[in-house]
Amino acid sequence: MTLRLSVDPASATAPYEQLRAQISDQARSGRLPVGYRLPTVRGLAEELGLAAGTVAKTYRALEADGVVETRGRGGTVVAAAGDAAARQAAGAAAGYAAEVHRLGLSRADAEAAVTDALRAAYDR
């Protein structure tokens, strides 16, 4: 399994975002299996001719997205997709709960809004 990445310096998209999108796509599609160890920040930066800070920013964004996890000396590895999806859903739910509470909606009204949204998304 080989990580295939490229950065287009002429692109309007920032290099860290180009990397983030490519790694995320490869991880979510299964081309990079769960547990696959990504190159070190310095190693990938050197390979692609980027600043180490650019690669570090990419890895931090991927970790925030739940695509990878950092295991200290174990390096940065592709996270389990189910875990990432569950973490993203929990984060979205927490954000929703905080927002409807701030808006003053009752719990029943907030739950009804979620039920309606889920019905619309799943019962097409």
Protein backbone atom coordinates (compact mmCIF):
# COMPACT_ATOMS: atom_id res chain seq x y z
CA MET A 1 0.00 0.00 0.00
CA THR A 2 1.50 3.30 -1.08
CA LEU A 3 0.32 6.76 -0.21
CA ARG A 4 0.09 8.76 -3.44
CA LEU A 5 0.03 12.51 -3.01
CA SER A 6 0.78 15.49 -5.17
CA VAL A 7 0.58 19.22 -4.66
CA ASP A 8 -0.13 21.65 -7.48
CA PRO A 9 1.68 24.90 -6.61
CA ALA A 10 -0.35 26.75 -9.26
CA SER A 11 -3.67 25.76 -7.66
CA ALA A 12 -5.80 28.34 -5.89
CA THR A 13 -6.32 25.70 -3.16
CA ALA A 14 -3.80 25.89 -0.34
CA PRO A 15 -1.26 23.04 -0.27
CA TYR A 16 -2.38 21.82 3.16
CA GLU A 17 -5.97 21.62 1.89
CA GLN A 18 -4.87 19.71 -1.21
CA LEU A 19 -3.11 17.17 1.02
CA ARG A 20 -6.03 17.00 3.45
CA ALA A 21 -8.47 16.25 0.66
CA GLN A 22 -6.26 13.59 -0.93
CA ILE A 23 -5.49 11.75 2.30
CA SER A 24 -9.09 11.97 3.45
CA ASP A 25 -10.36 10.60 0.13
CA GLN A 26 -7.89 7.71 0.16
CA ALA A 27 -8.70 6.84 3.78
CA ARG A 28 -12.48 7.01 3.37
CA SER A 29 -12.41 5.01 0.14
CA GLY A 30 -10.39 2.22 1.76
CA ARG A 31 -7.33 2.72 -0.44
CA LEU A 32 -5.54 3.48 2.84
CA PRO A 33 -6.59 0.82 5.36
CA VAL A 34 -7.36 1.48 9.01
CA GLY A 35 -4.10 1.55 10.92
CA TYR A 36 -2.00 2.58 7.89
CA ARG A 37 0.89 4.65 9.20
CA LEU A 38 1.35 7.97 7.43
CA PRO A 39 4.84 9.32 6.79
CA THR A 40 6.38 11.57 9.40
CA VAL A 41 5.68 15.28 9.07
CA ARG A 42 9.28 15.99 8.14
CA GLY A 43 9.50 13.05 5.76
CA LEU A 44 6.38 13.99 3.83
CA ALA A 45 7.33 17.67 3.78
CA GLU A 46 10.72 16.80 2.33
CA GLU A 47 9.25 14.39 -0.22
CA LEU A 48 6.75 16.98 -1.48
CA GLY A 49 8.97 20.04 -1.15
CA LEU A 50 6.73 21.68 1.45
CA ALA A 51 7.33 23.30 4.80
CA ALA A 52 6.98 20.94 7.77
CA GLY A 53 4.38 23.34 9.20
CA THR A 54 2.18 22.80 6.15
CA VAL A 55 2.18 19.03 6.63
CA ALA A 56 1.68 19.41 10.39
CA LYS A 57 -1.35 21.63 9.70
CA THR A 58 -2.70 18.96 7.34
CA TYR A 59 -2.31 16.21 9.94
CA ARG A 60 -4.00 18.37 12.62
CA ALA A 61 -6.95 19.05 10.28
CA LEU A 62 -7.25 15.33 9.44
CA GLU A 63 -7.19 14.47 13.13
CA ALA A 64 -9.91 17.04 13.82
CA ASP A 65 -11.95 15.46 11.00
CA GLY A 66 -11.49 12.03 12.60
CA VAL A 67 -9.68 10.66 9.55
CA VAL A 68 -6.40 9.99 11.37
CA GLU A 69 -5.22 9.66 14.94
CA THR A 70 -1.84 10.40 16.41
CA ARG A 71 -0.35 7.70 18.61
CA GLY A 72 2.67 9.48 20.04
CA ARG A 73 5.76 7.48 19.07
CA GLY A 74 3.46 5.21 17.03
CA GLY A 75 3.02 8.00 14.53
CA THR A 76 -0.08 9.17 12.70
CA VAL A 77 -2.35 6.39 11.46
CA VAL A 78 -5.61 6.13 9.55
CA ALA A 79 -8.50 5.92 12.04
CA ALA A 80 -11.42 3.52 11.87
CA ALA A 81 -14.05 5.10 9.61
CA GLY A 82 -16.91 4.08 11.91
CA ASP A 83 -15.23 5.76 14.84
CA ALA A 84 -14.69 8.91 12.81
CA ALA A 85 -18.32 8.97 11.67
CA ALA A 86 -19.55 8.43 15.23
CA ARG A 87 -17.32 11.23 16.53
CA GLN A 88 -18.51 13.59 13.79
CA ALA A 89 -22.15 12.73 14.46
CA ALA A 90 -21.68 13.26 18.21
CA GLY A 91 -20.04 16.60 17.56
CA ALA A 92 -22.83 17.69 15.24
CA ALA A 93 -25.44 16.57 17.76
CA ALA A 94 -23.72 18.47 20.58
CA GLY A 95 -23.55 21.59 18.41
CA TYR A 96 -27.23 21.27 17.54
CA ALA A 97 -28.21 20.78 21.18
CA ALA A 98 -26.25 23.84 22.26
CA GLU A 99 -27.75 25.96 19.47
CA VAL A 100 -31.39 25.03 20.10
CA HIS A 101 -30.87 25.56 23.84
CA ARG A 102 -29.40 29.00 23.11
CA LEU A 103 -32.39 29.76 20.90
CA GLY A 104 -34.76 28.84 23.72
CA LEU A 105 -36.49 25.91 22.02
CA SER A 106 -38.08 23.34 24.27
CA ARG A 107 -36.63 19.85 24.33
CA ALA A 108 -39.79 18.54 22.63
CA ASP A 109 -39.50 21.09 19.82
CA ALA A 110 -35.79 20.33 19.35
CA GLU A 111 -36.47 16.59 19.20
CA ALA A 112 -39.34 17.12 16.75
CA ALA A 113 -37.04 19.13 14.48
CA VAL A 114 -34.47 16.31 14.54
CA THR A 115 -37.14 13.69 13.84
CA ASP A 116 -38.41 15.69 10.87
CA ALA A 117 -34.89 16.19 9.51
CA LEU A 118 -34.04 12.49 9.86
CA ARG A 119 -37.29 11.49 8.20
CA ALA A 120 -36.55 13.83 5.29
CA ALA A 121 -32.98 12.49 4.94
CA TYR A 122 -33.69 8.77 5.27
CA ASP A 123 -37.23 8.31 3.92
CA ARG A 124 -36.73 9.78 0.45
